Amino acid sequence: MPSADFMKLYIDELKDLYSAENQLTVALPKLAKAASSPALQQAFQSHLEETKGHIQRLEQIFEGLERSPKGKKCKAMAGLIEEGAELLEEKDKMEAEVLDAGLIGAAQRVEHYEIAAYGTVRTFAQQLGDAATVKLLQQTLDEEYAADEKLTALAVGSLNKEAVAQ
């Protein structure tokens, strides 16, 4: 039987992720709109749809725990989104290609936060012996890694080169 403190920590981490994902559903359309590269716009739009699936998985996990996912604000995600918003405030003062490079950087910081957070809760679920939850969290974790890899491919494939050339 897990300790009450461990379960509190686990649920708190899951709530943090739920808040983070919901904040991201507001931020991603803004990033997509600001991007000039059609491929980057598509990457943001695609990840928005995945993010909605992440929220559904978290809700499924909370149903199994018989808990509400609400009640916490992820301050880390709020900070990461705020940094991205600062970049958007400067968009009229920079070349579109440079903005795209900056948007990729901001999005990758978000992805890296999510990778760390999902890796943590997946490990917690493993320790609890909850194979069904581990599977759901691993699916999301795999999608977060894939989103990060897609952003890296866009950056090193052409967008950063275009930004440097400006």
C-alpha atoms as a PDB file:
ATOM      1  CA  MET A   1       0.000   0.000   0.000  1.00  0.00           C
ATOM      2  CA  PRO A   2       1.534   3.336  -1.054  1.00  0.00           C
ATOM      3  CA  SER A   3       1.982   6.023   1.550  1.00  0.00           C
ATOM      4  CA  ALA A   4      -0.555   8.842   1.694  1.00  0.00           C
ATOM      5  CA  ASP A   5       2.244  11.341   1.045  1.00  0.00           C
ATOM      6  CA  PHE A   6       3.349   9.513  -2.117  1.00  0.00           C
ATOM      7  CA  MET A   7      -0.211   9.397  -3.449  1.00  0.00           C
ATOM      8  CA  LYS A   8      -0.619  13.104  -2.697  1.00  0.00           C
ATOM      9  CA  LEU A   9       2.594  13.827  -4.615  1.00  0.00           C
ATOM     10  CA  TYR A  10       1.508  11.633  -7.538  1.00  0.00           C
ATOM     11  CA  ILE A  11      -1.914  13.253  -7.804  1.00  0.00           C
ATOM     12  CA  ASP A  12      -0.393  16.712  -7.443  1.00  0.00           C
ATOM     13  CA  GLU A  13       2.006  15.989 -10.330  1.00  0.00           C
ATOM     14  CA  LEU A  14      -0.873  14.727 -12.474  1.00  0.00           C
ATOM     15  CA  LYS A  15      -2.896  17.862 -11.681  1.00  0.00           C
ATOM     16  CA  ASP A  16       0.099  19.967 -12.643  1.00  0.00           C
ATOM     17  CA  LEU A  17       0.216  18.224 -16.019  1.00  0.00           C
ATOM     18  CA  TYR A  18      -3.518  18.645 -16.512  1.00  0.00           C
ATOM     19  CA  SER A  19      -3.162  22.368 -15.935  1.00  0.00           C
ATOM     20  CA  ALA A  20      -0.108  22.539 -18.202  1.00  0.00           C
ATOM     21  CA  GLU A  21      -1.879  20.798 -21.060  1.00  0.00           C
ATOM     22  CA  ASN A  22      -4.928  23.026 -20.750  1.00  0.00           C
ATOM     23  CA  GLN A  23      -2.753  26.141 -20.807  1.00  0.00           C
ATOM     24  CA  LEU A  24      -1.045  24.784 -23.881  1.00  0.00           C
ATOM     25  CA  THR A  25      -4.346  24.437 -25.753  1.00  0.00           C
ATOM     26  CA  VAL A  26      -4.654  28.220 -25.496  1.00  0.00           C
ATOM     27  CA  ALA A  27      -1.039  28.958 -26.441  1.00  0.00           C
ATOM     28  CA  LEU A  28      -0.550  26.635 -29.431  1.00  0.00           C
ATOM     29  CA  PRO A  29      -3.057  28.372 -31.738  1.00  0.00           C
ATOM     30  CA  LYS A  30      -1.246  31.663 -31.072  1.00  0.00           C
ATOM     31  CA  LEU A  31       2.078  30.088 -32.010  1.00  0.00           C
ATOM     32  CA  ALA A  32       0.581  28.595 -35.166  1.00  0.00           C
ATOM     33  CA  LYS A  33      -0.859  31.958 -36.168  1.00  0.00           C
ATOM     34  CA  ALA A  34       2.465  33.735 -35.592  1.00  0.00           C
ATOM     35  CA  ALA A  35       4.577  31.219 -37.541  1.00  0.00           C
ATOM     36  CA  SER A  36       5.370  32.088 -41.149  1.00  0.00           C
ATOM     37  CA  SER A  37       6.510  28.606 -42.148  1.00  0.00           C
ATOM     38  CA  PRO A  38       3.607  26.413 -43.270  1.00  0.00           C
ATOM     39  CA  ALA A  39       5.444  23.360 -41.913  1.00  0.00           C
ATOM     40  CA  LEU A  40       5.830  25.001 -38.502  1.00  0.00           C
ATOM     41  CA  GLN A  41       2.195  26.092 -38.514  1.00  0.00           C
ATOM     42  CA  GLN A  42       1.203  22.499 -39.230  1.00  0.00           C
ATOM     43  CA  ALA A  43       3.472  21.185 -36.472  1.00  0.00           C
ATOM     44  CA  PHE A  44       1.787  23.476 -33.945  1.00  0.00           C
ATOM     45  CA  GLN A  45      -1.701  22.586 -35.177  1.00  0.00           C
ATOM     46  CA  SER A  46      -0.910  18.878 -35.110  1.00  0.00           C
ATOM     47  CA  HIS A  47       0.458  19.112 -31.585  1.00  0.00           C
ATOM     48  CA  LEU A  48      -2.674  20.985 -30.510  1.00  0.00           C
ATOM     49  CA  GLU A  49      -4.755  17.966 -31.524  1.00  0.00           C
ATOM     50  CA  GLU A  50      -2.357  15.655 -29.679  1.00  0.00           C
ATOM     51  CA  THR A  51      -2.556  17.916 -26.625  1.00  0.00           C
ATOM     52  CA  LYS A  52      -6.329  17.517 -26.568  1.00  0.00           C
ATOM     53  CA  GLY A  53      -5.742  13.760 -26.512  1.00  0.00           C
ATOM     54  CA  HIS A  54      -3.278  14.192 -23.639  1.00  0.00           C
ATOM     55  CA  ILE A  55      -5.983  15.967 -21.660  1.00  0.00           C
ATOM     56  CA  GLN A  56      -8.420  13.122 -22.364  1.00  0.00           C
ATOM     57  CA  ARG A  57      -5.880  10.561 -21.164  1.00  0.00           C
ATOM     58  CA  LEU A  58      -5.270  12.518 -17.986  1.00  0.00           C
ATOM     59  CA  GLU A  59      -9.022  12.726 -17.395  1.00  0.00           C
ATOM     60  CA  GLN A  60      -9.214   8.949 -17.842  1.00  0.00           C
ATOM     61  CA  ILE A  61      -6.443   8.509 -15.270  1.00  0.00           C
ATOM     62  CA  PHE A  62      -8.226  10.793 -12.811  1.00  0.00           C
ATOM     63  CA  GLU A  63     -11.464   8.853 -13.295  1.00  0.00           C
ATOM     64  CA  GLY A  64      -9.594   5.687 -12.325  1.00  0.00           C
ATOM     65  CA  LEU A  65      -8.223   7.438  -9.254  1.00  0.00           C
ATOM     66  CA  GLU A  66     -11.695   8.788  -8.453  1.00  0.00           C
ATOM     67  CA  ARG A  67     -10.230  12.280  -8.193  1.00  0.00           C
ATOM     68  CA  SER A  68     -10.770  15.611  -9.906  1.00  0.00           C
ATOM     69  CA  PRO A  69      -7.990  16.820 -12.203  1.00  0.00           C
ATOM     70  CA  LYS A  70      -8.719  20.445 -11.315  1.00  0.00           C
ATOM     71  CA  GLY A  71      -7.429  22.619  -8.541  1.00  0.00           C
ATOM     72  CA  LYS A  72      -3.856  23.412  -9.468  1.00  0.00           C
ATOM     73  CA  LYS A  73      -2.170  25.858 -11.816  1.00  0.00           C
ATOM     74  CA  CYS A  74       1.088  24.789 -13.410  1.00  0.00           C
ATOM     75  CA  LYS A  75       3.347  27.763 -12.757  1.00  0.00           C
ATOM     76  CA  ALA A  76       6.142  26.308 -14.875  1.00  0.00           C
ATOM     77  CA  MET A  77       3.952  26.146 -17.970  1.00  0.00           C
ATOM     78  CA  ALA A  78       2.607  29.618 -17.247  1.00  0.00           C
ATOM     79  CA  GLY A  79       6.194  30.885 -17.191  1.00  0.00           C
ATOM     80  CA  LEU A  80       7.151  29.095 -20.386  1.00  0.00           C
ATOM     81  CA  ILE A  81       4.082  30.453 -22.130  1.00  0.00           C
ATOM     82  CA  GLU A  82       4.863  33.943 -20.844  1.00  0.00           C
ATOM     83  CA  GLU A  83       8.333  33.714 -22.377  1.00  0.00           C
ATOM     84  CA  GLY A  84       6.764  32.733 -25.677  1.00  0.00           C
ATOM     85  CA  ALA A  85       4.343  35.647 -25.390  1.00  0.00           C
ATOM     86  CA  GLU A  86       7.277  38.027 -24.950  1.00  0.00           C
ATOM     87  CA  LEU A  87       8.680  36.724 -28.231  1.00  0.00           C
ATOM     88  CA  LEU A  88       5.334  37.317 -29.937  1.00  0.00           C
ATOM     89  CA  GLU A  89       5.318  40.906 -28.670  1.00  0.00           C
ATOM     90  CA  GLU A  90       8.559  41.452 -30.605  1.00  0.00           C
ATOM     91  CA  LYS A  91       7.382  39.809 -33.830  1.00  0.00           C
ATOM     92  CA  ASP A  92       6.903  43.074 -35.719  1.00  0.00           C
ATOM     93  CA  LYS A  93      10.524  44.003 -35.004  1.00  0.00           C
ATOM     94  CA  MET A  94      12.132  40.870 -36.473  1.00  0.00           C
ATOM     95  CA  GLU A  95      12.299  38.931 -39.691  1.00  0.00           C
ATOM     96  CA  ALA A  96       9.664  36.205 -40.028  1.00  0.00           C
ATOM     97  CA  GLU A  97      12.333  33.504 -40.327  1.00  0.00           C
ATOM     98  CA  VAL A  98      13.985  34.668 -37.089  1.00  0.00           C
ATOM     99  CA  LEU A  99      10.619  34.612 -35.343  1.00  0.00           C
ATOM    100  CA  ASP A 100      10.075  31.038 -36.544  1.00  0.00           C
ATOM    101  CA  ALA A 101      13.443  30.033 -35.061  1.00  0.00           C
ATOM    102  CA  GLY A 102      12.442  31.662 -31.784  1.00  0.00           C
ATOM    103  CA  LEU A 103       9.049  29.952 -31.802  1.00  0.00           C
ATOM    104  CA  ILE A 104      10.745  26.585 -32.212  1.00  0.00           C
ATOM    105  CA  GLY A 105      12.978  27.327 -29.237  1.00  0.00           C
ATOM    106  CA  ALA A 106      10.020  28.343 -27.087  1.00  0.00           C
ATOM    107  CA  ALA A 107       8.050  25.263 -28.128  1.00  0.00           C
ATOM    108  CA  GLN A 108      10.980  22.950 -27.417  1.00  0.00           C
ATOM    109  CA  ARG A 109      11.337  24.343 -23.898  1.00  0.00           C
ATOM    110  CA  VAL A 110       7.680  23.410 -23.397  1.00  0.00           C
ATOM    111  CA  GLU A 111       8.242  19.937 -24.835  1.00  0.00           C
ATOM    112  CA  HIS A 112      11.249  19.336 -22.611  1.00  0.00           C
ATOM    113  CA  TYR A 113       9.240  20.345 -19.544  1.00  0.00           C
ATOM    114  CA  GLU A 114       6.460  17.976 -20.545  1.00  0.00           C
ATOM    115  CA  ILE A 115       8.896  15.140 -21.240  1.00  0.00           C
ATOM    116  CA  ALA A 116      10.361  15.527 -17.752  1.00  0.00           C
ATOM    117  CA  ALA A 117       6.940  15.747 -16.098  1.00  0.00           C
ATOM    118  CA  TYR A 118       5.412  12.797 -17.959  1.00  0.00           C
ATOM    119  CA  GLY A 119       8.514  10.723 -17.332  1.00  0.00           C
ATOM    120  CA  THR A 120       8.145  11.392 -13.617  1.00  0.00           C
ATOM    121  CA  VAL A 121       4.468  10.450 -13.358  1.00  0.00           C
ATOM    122  CA  ARG A 122       4.971   7.409 -15.567  1.00  0.00           C
ATOM    123  CA  THR A 123       7.677   6.212 -13.186  1.00  0.00           C
ATOM    124  CA  PHE A 124       5.374   6.880 -10.236  1.00  0.00           C
ATOM    125  CA  ALA A 125       2.636   4.823 -11.908  1.00  0.00           C
ATOM    126  CA  GLN A 126       5.160   2.009 -12.461  1.00  0.00           C
ATOM    127  CA  GLN A 127       6.045   2.088  -8.770  1.00  0.00           C
ATOM    128  CA  LEU A 128       2.342   1.842  -7.957  1.00  0.00           C
ATOM    129  CA  GLY A 129       1.976  -1.169 -10.252  1.00  0.00           C
ATOM    130  CA  ASP A 130      -0.659   0.572 -12.371  1.00  0.00           C
ATOM    131  CA  ALA A 131       0.090  -0.895 -15.808  1.00  0.00           C
ATOM    132  CA  ALA A 132      -2.922   0.711 -17.515  1.00  0.00           C
ATOM    133  CA  THR A 133      -1.871   4.183 -16.407  1.00  0.00           C
ATOM    134  CA  VAL A 134       1.743   3.503 -17.337  1.00  0.00           C
ATOM    135  CA  LYS A 135       0.574   2.661 -20.854  1.00  0.00           C
ATOM    136  CA  LEU A 136      -1.456   5.886 -21.156  1.00  0.00           C
ATOM    137  CA  LEU A 137       1.378   8.019 -19.822  1.00  0.00           C
ATOM    138  CA  GLN A 138       3.929   6.298 -22.053  1.00  0.00           C
ATOM    139  CA  GLN A 139       1.750   6.975 -25.084  1.00  0.00           C
ATOM    140  CA  THR A 140       1.710  10.676 -24.224  1.00  0.00           C
ATOM    141  CA  LEU A 141       5.421  10.664 -23.458  1.00  0.00           C
ATOM    142  CA  ASP A 142       6.118   9.117 -26.870  1.00  0.00           C
ATOM    143  CA  GLU A 143       4.070  11.860 -28.535  1.00  0.00           C
ATOM    144  CA  GLU A 144       5.964  14.554 -26.630  1.00  0.00           C
ATOM    145  CA  TYR A 145       9.290  13.079 -27.777  1.00  0.00           C
ATOM    146  CA  ALA A 146       7.993  12.949 -31.354  1.00  0.00           C
ATOM    147  CA  ALA A 147       6.866  16.582 -31.219  1.00  0.00           C
ATOM    148  CA  ASP A 148      10.310  17.607 -29.974  1.00  0.00           C
ATOM    149  CA  GLU A 149      11.981  15.602 -32.748  1.00  0.00           C
ATOM    150  CA  LYS A 150       9.712  17.201 -35.360  1.00  0.00           C
ATOM    151  CA  LEU A 151      10.631  20.672 -34.110  1.00  0.00           C
ATOM    152  CA  THR A 152      14.329  19.787 -34.191  1.00  0.00           C
ATOM    153  CA  ALA A 153      14.001  18.495 -37.748  1.00  0.00           C
ATOM    154  CA  LEU A 154      12.310  21.728 -38.840  1.00  0.00           C
ATOM    155  CA  ALA A 155      14.968  23.820 -37.133  1.00  0.00           C
ATOM    156  CA  VAL A 156      18.034  22.034 -38.444  1.00  0.00           C
ATOM    157  CA  GLY A 157      16.477  21.131 -41.772  1.00  0.00           C
ATOM    158  CA  SER A 158      15.812  24.640 -42.978  1.00  0.00           C
ATOM    159  CA  LEU A 159      14.260  27.159 -40.606  1.00  0.00           C
ATOM    160  CA  ASN A 160      17.367  28.026 -38.591  1.00  0.00           C
ATOM    161  CA  LYS A 161      19.401  28.308 -41.803  1.00  0.00           C
ATOM    162  CA  GLU A 162      16.824  30.719 -43.187  1.00  0.00           C
ATOM    163  CA  ALA A 163      16.919  32.728 -39.945  1.00  0.00           C
ATOM    164  CA  VAL A 164      20.716  33.003 -40.054  1.00  0.00           C
ATOM    165  CA  ALA A 165      20.590  34.165 -43.671  1.00  0.00           C
ATOM    166  CA  GLN A 166      18.359  37.116 -42.810  1.00  0.00           C
END
